[in-house]
Amino acid sequence: MLDTFEEEVFDEFKLPASKHSNLLKSKDANLVGKTKIVIGEESHDGVKFVLKKDENDIIKEIKFICTCGKTKTVYLDYSE
């Protein structure tokens, strides 16, 4: 058994925007990096949030999910 808890790191792929088929081929997908996904919930209002981080724990995307089903997403770009 491991002594430390490790977060899962997932491969992040980019697919061509012009692809209109339900069939994806591996030659069409490009590996663009690694990502971590953290899911939390605000206890008072029932709003869930999803944090998408890179492998260095830098937050790249925040998604807010309301109990009514609506979502809002904030994308963070740290480039100058």
PDB file of N, CA and C in Angstrom:
ATOM      1  N   MET A   1       0.838  -1.176   0.000  1.00  0.00           N
ATOM      2  CA  MET A   1       0.000   0.000   0.000  1.00  0.00           C
ATOM      3  C   MET A   1       0.889   1.247   0.000  1.00  0.00           C
ATOM      4  N   LEU A   2       0.490   2.264  -0.742  1.00  0.00           N
ATOM      5  CA  LEU A   2       1.263   3.484  -0.822  1.00  0.00           C
ATOM      6  C   LEU A   2       1.064   4.333   0.426  1.00  0.00           C
ATOM      7  N   ASP A   3       2.142   4.999   0.845  1.00  0.00           N
ATOM      8  CA  ASP A   3       2.066   5.864   2.016  1.00  0.00           C
ATOM      9  C   ASP A   3       1.517   7.247   1.686  1.00  0.00           C
ATOM     10  N   THR A   4       1.610   7.654   0.430  1.00  0.00           N
ATOM     11  CA  THR A   4       1.160   8.990   0.056  1.00  0.00           C
ATOM     12  C   THR A   4       0.022   8.896  -0.937  1.00  0.00           C
ATOM     13  N   PHE A   5      -0.831   9.910  -0.900  1.00  0.00           N
ATOM     14  CA  PHE A   5      -1.943   9.994  -1.842  1.00  0.00           C
ATOM     15  C   PHE A   5      -1.471  10.770  -3.061  1.00  0.00           C
ATOM     16  N   GLU A   6      -1.669  10.227  -4.240  1.00  0.00           N
ATOM     17  CA  GLU A   6      -1.272  10.902  -5.466  1.00  0.00           C
ATOM     18  C   GLU A   6      -2.506  11.170  -6.315  1.00  0.00           C
ATOM     19  N   GLU A   7      -2.588  12.396  -6.862  1.00  0.00           N
ATOM     20  CA  GLU A   7      -3.690  12.734  -7.753  1.00  0.00           C
ATOM     21  C   GLU A   7      -3.453  12.090  -9.108  1.00  0.00           C
ATOM     22  N   GLU A   8      -4.542  11.722  -9.753  1.00  0.00           N
ATOM     23  CA  GLU A   8      -4.442  11.150 -11.092  1.00  0.00           C
ATOM     24  C   GLU A   8      -4.074  12.235 -12.096  1.00  0.00           C
ATOM     25  N   VAL A   9      -3.191  11.918 -13.013  1.00  0.00           N
ATOM     26  CA  VAL A   9      -2.815  12.818 -14.091  1.00  0.00           C
ATOM     27  C   VAL A   9      -3.257  12.166 -15.392  1.00  0.00           C
ATOM     28  N   PHE A  10      -4.031  12.901 -16.197  1.00  0.00           N
ATOM     29  CA  PHE A  10      -4.580  12.370 -17.433  1.00  0.00           C
ATOM     30  C   PHE A  10      -3.904  13.023 -18.631  1.00  0.00           C
ATOM     31  N   ASP A  11      -3.806  12.297 -19.725  1.00  0.00           N
ATOM     32  CA  ASP A  11      -3.325  12.867 -20.978  1.00  0.00           C
ATOM     33  C   ASP A  11      -4.423  13.739 -21.560  1.00  0.00           C
ATOM     34  N   GLU A  12      -4.044  14.897 -22.108  1.00  0.00           N
ATOM     35  CA  GLU A  12      -5.011  15.799 -22.734  1.00  0.00           C
ATOM     36  C   GLU A  12      -4.754  15.813 -24.237  1.00  0.00           C
ATOM     37  N   PHE A  13      -5.803  15.569 -24.995  1.00  0.00           N
ATOM     38  CA  PHE A  13      -5.703  15.494 -26.446  1.00  0.00           C
ATOM     39  C   PHE A  13      -6.447  16.643 -27.097  1.00  0.00           C
ATOM     40  N   LYS A  14      -5.970  17.019 -28.270  1.00  0.00           N
ATOM     41  CA  LYS A  14      -6.668  18.014 -29.083  1.00  0.00           C
ATOM     42  C   LYS A  14      -7.070  17.335 -30.381  1.00  0.00           C
ATOM     43  N   LEU A  15      -8.331  17.491 -30.734  1.00  0.00           N
ATOM     44  CA  LEU A  15      -8.860  16.894 -31.957  1.00  0.00           C
ATOM     45  C   LEU A  15      -9.123  18.002 -32.964  1.00  0.00           C
ATOM     46  N   PRO A  16      -9.046  17.706 -34.234  1.00  0.00           N
ATOM     47  CA  PRO A  16      -9.308  18.739 -35.239  1.00  0.00           C
ATOM     48  C   PRO A  16     -10.749  19.239 -35.144  1.00  0.00           C
ATOM     49  N   ALA A  17     -10.921  20.559 -35.249  1.00  0.00           N
ATOM     50  CA  ALA A  17     -12.253  21.167 -35.118  1.00  0.00           C
ATOM     51  C   ALA A  17     -13.149  20.828 -36.293  1.00  0.00           C
ATOM     52  N   SER A  18     -12.570  20.523 -37.428  1.00  0.00           N
ATOM     53  CA  SER A  18     -13.377  20.255 -38.622  1.00  0.00           C
ATOM     54  C   SER A  18     -13.898  18.822 -38.681  1.00  0.00           C
ATOM     55  N   LYS A  19     -13.575  18.017 -37.704  1.00  0.00           N
ATOM     56  CA  LYS A  19     -14.003  16.620 -37.683  1.00  0.00           C
ATOM     57  C   LYS A  19     -15.478  16.539 -37.290  1.00  0.00           C
ATOM     58  N   HIS A  20     -16.337  16.081 -38.189  1.00  0.00           N
ATOM     59  CA  HIS A  20     -17.777  16.004 -37.918  1.00  0.00           C
ATOM     60  C   HIS A  20     -18.267  14.563 -37.831  1.00  0.00           C
ATOM     61  N   SER A  21     -17.369  13.658 -37.563  1.00  0.00           N
ATOM     62  CA  SER A  21     -17.729  12.250 -37.501  1.00  0.00           C
ATOM     63  C   SER A  21     -17.716  11.773 -36.055  1.00  0.00           C
ATOM     64  N   ASN A  22     -18.465  10.718 -35.779  1.00  0.00           N
ATOM     65  CA  ASN A  22     -18.443  10.100 -34.456  1.00  0.00           C
ATOM     66  C   ASN A  22     -17.259   9.152 -34.295  1.00  0.00           C
ATOM     67  N   LEU A  23     -16.558   8.886 -35.380  1.00  0.00           N
ATOM     68  CA  LEU A  23     -15.418   7.985 -35.351  1.00  0.00           C
ATOM     69  C   LEU A  23     -14.133   8.796 -35.230  1.00  0.00           C
ATOM     70  N   LEU A  24     -13.361   8.527 -34.187  1.00  0.00           N
ATOM     71  CA  LEU A  24     -12.087   9.211 -33.983  1.00  0.00           C
ATOM     72  C   LEU A  24     -10.951   8.230 -34.240  1.00  0.00           C
ATOM     73  N   LYS A  25      -9.985   8.662 -35.006  1.00  0.00           N
ATOM     74  CA  LYS A  25      -8.819   7.835 -35.295  1.00  0.00           C
ATOM     75  C   LYS A  25      -7.620   8.394 -34.547  1.00  0.00           C
ATOM     76  N   SER A  26      -6.734   7.521 -34.111  1.00  0.00           N
ATOM     77  CA  SER A  26      -5.590   7.956 -33.321  1.00  0.00           C
ATOM     78  C   SER A  26      -4.688   8.906 -34.096  1.00  0.00           C
ATOM     79  N   LYS A  27      -4.626   8.786 -35.411  1.00  0.00           N
ATOM     80  CA  LYS A  27      -3.768   9.678 -36.199  1.00  0.00           C
ATOM     81  C   LYS A  27      -4.289  11.108 -36.211  1.00  0.00           C
ATOM     82  N   ASP A  28      -5.579  11.316 -35.884  1.00  0.00           N
ATOM     83  CA  ASP A  28      -6.180  12.648 -35.868  1.00  0.00           C
ATOM     84  C   ASP A  28      -5.998  13.360 -34.529  1.00  0.00           C
ATOM     85  N   ALA A  29      -5.643  12.627 -33.477  1.00  0.00           N
ATOM     86  CA  ALA A  29      -5.525  13.209 -32.138  1.00  0.00           C
ATOM     87  C   ALA A  29      -4.074  13.593 -31.861  1.00  0.00           C
ATOM     88  N   ASN A  30      -3.896  14.756 -31.259  1.00  0.00           N
ATOM     89  CA  ASN A  30      -2.567  15.227 -30.869  1.00  0.00           C
ATOM     90  C   ASN A  30      -2.506  15.371 -29.360  1.00  0.00           C
ATOM     91  N   LEU A  31      -1.466  14.822 -28.747  1.00  0.00           N
ATOM     92  CA  LEU A  31      -1.257  14.962 -27.311  1.00  0.00           C
ATOM     93  C   LEU A  31      -0.752  16.375 -27.043  1.00  0.00           C
ATOM     94  N   VAL A  32      -1.492  17.141 -26.221  1.00  0.00           N
ATOM     95  CA  VAL A  32      -1.119  18.529 -25.964  1.00  0.00           C
ATOM     96  C   VAL A  32      -0.612  18.750 -24.548  1.00  0.00           C
ATOM     97  N   GLY A  33      -0.680  17.750 -23.696  1.00  0.00           N
ATOM     98  CA  GLY A  33      -0.170  17.909 -22.339  1.00  0.00           C
ATOM     99  C   GLY A  33      -0.821  16.950 -21.367  1.00  0.00           C
ATOM    100  N   LYS A  34      -0.621  17.240 -20.109  1.00  0.00           N
ATOM    101  CA  LYS A  34      -1.185  16.445 -19.017  1.00  0.00           C
ATOM    102  C   LYS A  34      -2.148  17.326 -18.239  1.00  0.00           C
ATOM    103  N   THR A  35      -3.150  16.731 -17.613  1.00  0.00           N
ATOM    104  CA  THR A  35      -4.135  17.499 -16.857  1.00  0.00           C
ATOM    105  C   THR A  35      -4.572  16.733 -15.618  1.00  0.00           C
ATOM    106  N   LYS A  36      -4.957  17.493 -14.573  1.00  0.00           N
ATOM    107  CA  LYS A  36      -5.544  16.942 -13.353  1.00  0.00           C
ATOM    108  C   LYS A  36      -6.948  17.525 -13.241  1.00  0.00           C
ATOM    109  N   ILE A  37      -7.879  16.737 -12.743  1.00  0.00           N
ATOM    110  CA  ILE A  37      -9.265  17.195 -12.595  1.00  0.00           C
ATOM    111  C   ILE A  37      -9.659  17.075 -11.128  1.00  0.00           C
ATOM    112  N   VAL A  38     -10.142  18.192 -10.545  1.00  0.00           N
ATOM    113  CA  VAL A  38     -10.574  18.236  -9.151  1.00  0.00           C
ATOM    114  C   VAL A  38     -12.034  18.678  -9.133  1.00  0.00           C
ATOM    115  N   ILE A  39     -12.886  17.944  -8.423  1.00  0.00           N
ATOM    116  CA  ILE A  39     -14.311  18.272  -8.340  1.00  0.00           C
ATOM    117  C   ILE A  39     -14.646  18.635  -6.894  1.00  0.00           C
ATOM    118  N   GLY A  40     -15.314  19.765  -6.703  1.00  0.00           N
ATOM    119  CA  GLY A  40     -15.717  20.205  -5.375  1.00  0.00           C
ATOM    120  C   GLY A  40     -17.147  20.686  -5.389  1.00  0.00           C
ATOM    121  N   GLU A  41     -17.688  20.992  -4.210  1.00  0.00           N
ATOM    122  CA  GLU A  41     -19.082  21.455  -4.133  1.00  0.00           C
ATOM    123  C   GLU A  41     -19.212  22.489  -3.030  1.00  0.00           C
ATOM    124  N   GLU A  42     -19.877  23.600  -3.346  1.00  0.00           N
ATOM    125  CA  GLU A  42     -20.189  24.625  -2.359  1.00  0.00           C
ATOM    126  C   GLU A  42     -21.361  24.110  -1.530  1.00  0.00           C
ATOM    127  N   SER A  43     -21.182  23.978  -0.243  1.00  0.00           N
ATOM    128  CA  SER A  43     -22.188  23.319   0.599  1.00  0.00           C
ATOM    129  C   SER A  43     -23.465  24.126   0.774  1.00  0.00           C
ATOM    130  N   HIS A  44     -23.418  25.457   0.694  1.00  0.00           N
ATOM    131  CA  HIS A  44     -24.608  26.267   0.940  1.00  0.00           C
ATOM    132  C   HIS A  44     -25.539  26.351  -0.263  1.00  0.00           C
ATOM    133  N   ASP A  45     -24.982  26.565  -1.440  1.00  0.00           N
ATOM    134  CA  ASP A  45     -25.813  26.784  -2.623  1.00  0.00           C
ATOM    135  C   ASP A  45     -25.908  25.569  -3.531  1.00  0.00           C
ATOM    136  N   GLY A  46     -25.167  24.527  -3.261  1.00  0.00           N
ATOM    137  CA  GLY A  46     -25.224  23.335  -4.097  1.00  0.00           C
ATOM    138  C   GLY A  46     -24.535  23.491  -5.440  1.00  0.00           C
ATOM    139  N   VAL A  47     -23.697  24.501  -5.584  1.00  0.00           N
ATOM    140  CA  VAL A  47     -22.982  24.710  -6.840  1.00  0.00           C
ATOM    141  C   VAL A  47     -21.724  23.848  -6.837  1.00  0.00           C
ATOM    142  N   LYS A  48     -21.592  23.035  -7.871  1.00  0.00           N
ATOM    143  CA  LYS A  48     -20.386  22.216  -8.004  1.00  0.00           C
ATOM    144  C   LYS A  48     -19.388  22.960  -8.871  1.00  0.00           C
ATOM    145  N   PHE A  49     -18.122  22.731  -8.631  1.00  0.00           N
ATOM    146  CA  PHE A  49     -17.100  23.324  -9.476  1.00  0.00           C
ATOM    147  C   PHE A  49     -16.083  22.258  -9.856  1.00  0.00           C
ATOM    148  N   VAL A  50     -15.573  22.396 -11.045  1.00  0.00           N
ATOM    149  CA  VAL A  50     -14.577  21.474 -11.571  1.00  0.00           C
ATOM    150  C   VAL A  50     -13.339  22.299 -11.903  1.00  0.00           C
ATOM    151  N   LEU A  51     -12.208  21.944 -11.303  1.00  0.00           N
ATOM    152  CA  LEU A  51     -10.945  22.600 -11.592  1.00  0.00           C
ATOM    153  C   LEU A  51     -10.129  21.695 -12.506  1.00  0.00           C
ATOM    154  N   LYS A  52      -9.664  22.256 -13.603  1.00  0.00           N
ATOM    155  CA  LYS A  52      -8.810  21.512 -14.522  1.00  0.00           C
ATOM    156  C   LYS A  52      -7.428  22.141 -14.430  1.00  0.00           C
ATOM    157  N   LYS A  53      -6.442  21.363 -13.963  1.00  0.00           N
ATOM    158  CA  LYS A  53      -5.086  21.863 -13.734  1.00  0.00           C
ATOM    159  C   LYS A  53      -4.116  21.172 -14.671  1.00  0.00           C
ATOM    160  N   ASP A  54      -2.966  21.811 -14.875  1.00  0.00           N
ATOM    161  CA  ASP A  54      -1.917  21.122 -15.620  1.00  0.00           C
ATOM    162  C   ASP A  54      -1.121  20.254 -14.644  1.00  0.00           C
ATOM    163  N   GLU A  55      -0.110  19.581 -15.127  1.00  0.00           N
ATOM    164  CA  GLU A  55       0.631  18.647 -14.282  1.00  0.00           C
ATOM    165  C   GLU A  55       1.418  19.347 -13.183  1.00  0.00           C
ATOM    166  N   ASN A  56       1.582  20.679 -13.267  1.00  0.00           N
ATOM    167  CA  ASN A  56       2.285  21.448 -12.245  1.00  0.00           C
ATOM    168  C   ASN A  56       1.323  22.133 -11.279  1.00  0.00           C
ATOM    169  N   ASP A  57       0.064  21.699 -11.246  1.00  0.00           N
ATOM    170  CA  ASP A  57      -0.999  22.219 -10.381  1.00  0.00           C
ATOM    171  C   ASP A  57      -1.371  23.663 -10.668  1.00  0.00           C
ATOM    172  N   ILE A  58      -1.148  24.141 -11.881  1.00  0.00           N
ATOM    173  CA  ILE A  58      -1.582  25.478 -12.281  1.00  0.00           C
ATOM    174  C   ILE A  58      -2.977  25.341 -12.891  1.00  0.00           C
ATOM    175  N   ILE A  59      -3.947  26.091 -12.352  1.00  0.00           N
ATOM    176  CA  ILE A  59      -5.333  25.990 -12.796  1.00  0.00           C
ATOM    177  C   ILE A  59      -5.472  26.587 -14.193  1.00  0.00           C
ATOM    178  N   LYS A  60      -6.034  25.814 -15.120  1.00  0.00           N
ATOM    179  CA  LYS A  60      -6.243  26.252 -16.494  1.00  0.00           C
ATOM    180  C   LYS A  60      -7.710  26.546 -16.794  1.00  0.00           C
ATOM    181  N   GLU A  61      -8.626  25.883 -16.076  1.00  0.00           N
ATOM    182  CA  GLU A  61     -10.056  26.029 -16.351  1.00  0.00           C
ATOM    183  C   GLU A  61     -10.850  25.824 -15.071  1.00  0.00           C
ATOM    184  N   ILE A  62     -11.874  26.664 -14.873  1.00  0.00           N
ATOM    185  CA  ILE A  62     -12.804  26.515 -13.752  1.00  0.00           C
ATOM    186  C   ILE A  62     -14.203  26.429 -14.344  1.00  0.00           C
ATOM    187  N   LYS A  63     -14.912  25.370 -14.027  1.00  0.00           N
ATOM    188  CA  LYS A  63     -16.283  25.197 -14.514  1.00  0.00           C
ATOM    189  C   LYS A  63     -17.219  25.162 -13.305  1.00  0.00           C
ATOM    190  N   PHE A  64     -18.255  26.015 -13.341  1.00  0.00           N
ATOM    191  CA  PHE A  64     -19.263  26.068 -12.287  1.00  0.00           C
ATOM    192  C   PHE A  64     -20.525  25.385 -12.807  1.00  0.00           C
ATOM    193  N   ILE A  65     -21.078  24.462 -12.023  1.00  0.00           N
ATOM    194  CA  ILE A  65     -22.257  23.705 -12.432  1.00  0.00           C
ATOM    195  C   ILE A  65     -23.348  23.932 -11.389  1.00  0.00           C
ATOM    196  N   CYS A  66     -24.437  24.574 -11.808  1.00  0.00           N
ATOM    197  CA  CYS A  66     -25.563  24.875 -10.925  1.00  0.00           C
ATOM    198  C   CYS A  66     -26.477  23.650 -10.813  1.00  0.00           C
ATOM    199  N   THR A  67     -27.234  23.596  -9.734  1.00  0.00           N
ATOM    200  CA  THR A  67     -28.189  22.498  -9.571  1.00  0.00           C
ATOM    201  C   THR A  67     -29.292  22.558 -10.611  1.00  0.00           C
ATOM    202  N   CYS A  68     -29.501  23.744 -11.225  1.00  0.00           N
ATOM    203  CA  CYS A  68     -30.527  23.890 -12.263  1.00  0.00           C
ATOM    204  C   CYS A  68     -30.045  23.334 -13.607  1.00  0.00           C
ATOM    205  N   GLY A  69     -28.751  22.998 -13.706  1.00  0.00           N
ATOM    206  CA  GLY A  69     -28.220  22.415 -14.932  1.00  0.00           C
ATOM    207  C   GLY A  69     -27.397  23.370 -15.778  1.00  0.00           C
ATOM    208  N   LYS A  70     -27.417  24.660 -15.464  1.00  0.00           N
ATOM    209  CA  LYS A  70     -26.627  25.621 -16.233  1.00  0.00           C
ATOM    210  C   LYS A  70     -25.164  25.552 -15.811  1.00  0.00           C
ATOM    211  N   THR A  71     -24.268  25.821 -16.751  1.00  0.00           N
ATOM    212  CA  THR A  71     -22.842  25.821 -16.458  1.00  0.00           C
ATOM    213  C   THR A  71     -22.193  27.096 -16.976  1.00  0.00           C
ATOM    214  N   LYS A  72     -21.157  27.506 -16.329  1.00  0.00           N
ATOM    215  CA  LYS A  72     -20.316  28.618 -16.757  1.00  0.00           C
ATOM    216  C   LYS A  72     -18.872  28.157 -16.641  1.00  0.00           C
ATOM    217  N   THR A  73     -18.053  28.517 -17.627  1.00  0.00           N
ATOM    218  CA  THR A  73     -16.663  28.101 -17.635  1.00  0.00           C
ATOM    219  C   THR A  73     -15.764  29.321 -17.750  1.00  0.00           C
ATOM    220  N   VAL A  74     -14.698  29.335 -16.958  1.00  0.00           N
ATOM    221  CA  VAL A  74     -13.682  30.374 -17.001  1.00  0.00           C
ATOM    222  C   VAL A  74     -12.376  29.705 -17.425  1.00  0.00           C
ATOM    223  N   TYR A  75     -11.782  30.191 -18.534  1.00  0.00           N
ATOM    224  CA  TYR A  75     -10.509  29.679 -19.000  1.00  0.00           C
ATOM    225  C   TYR A  75      -9.415  30.669 -18.599  1.00  0.00           C
ATOM    226  N   LEU A  76      -8.338  30.178 -18.020  1.00  0.00           N
ATOM    227  CA  LEU A  76      -7.248  31.022 -17.575  1.00  0.00           C
ATOM    228  C   LEU A  76      -6.050  30.839 -18.498  1.00  0.00           C
ATOM    229  N   ASP A  77      -5.536  31.954 -19.019  1.00  0.00           N
ATOM    230  CA  ASP A  77      -4.379  31.924 -19.912  1.00  0.00           C
ATOM    231  C   ASP A  77      -3.283  32.758 -19.265  1.00  0.00           C
ATOM    232  N   TYR A  78      -2.166  32.143 -18.923  1.00  0.00           N
ATOM    233  CA  TYR A  78      -1.094  32.812 -18.233  1.00  0.00           C
ATOM    234  C   TYR A  78      -0.017  33.349 -19.177  1.00  0.00           C
ATOM    235  N   SER A  79      -0.216  33.206 -20.468  1.00  0.00           N
ATOM    236  CA  SER A  79       0.788  33.695 -21.419  1.00  0.00           C
ATOM    237  C   SER A  79       0.683  35.210 -21.544  1.00  0.00           C
ATOM    238  N   GLU A  80       1.776  35.831 -21.958  1.00  0.00           N
ATOM    239  CA  GLU A  80       1.784  37.293 -22.090  1.00  0.00           C
ATOM    240  C   GLU A  80       1.599  37.690 -23.514  1.00  0.00           C
TER     241      GLU A  80
END
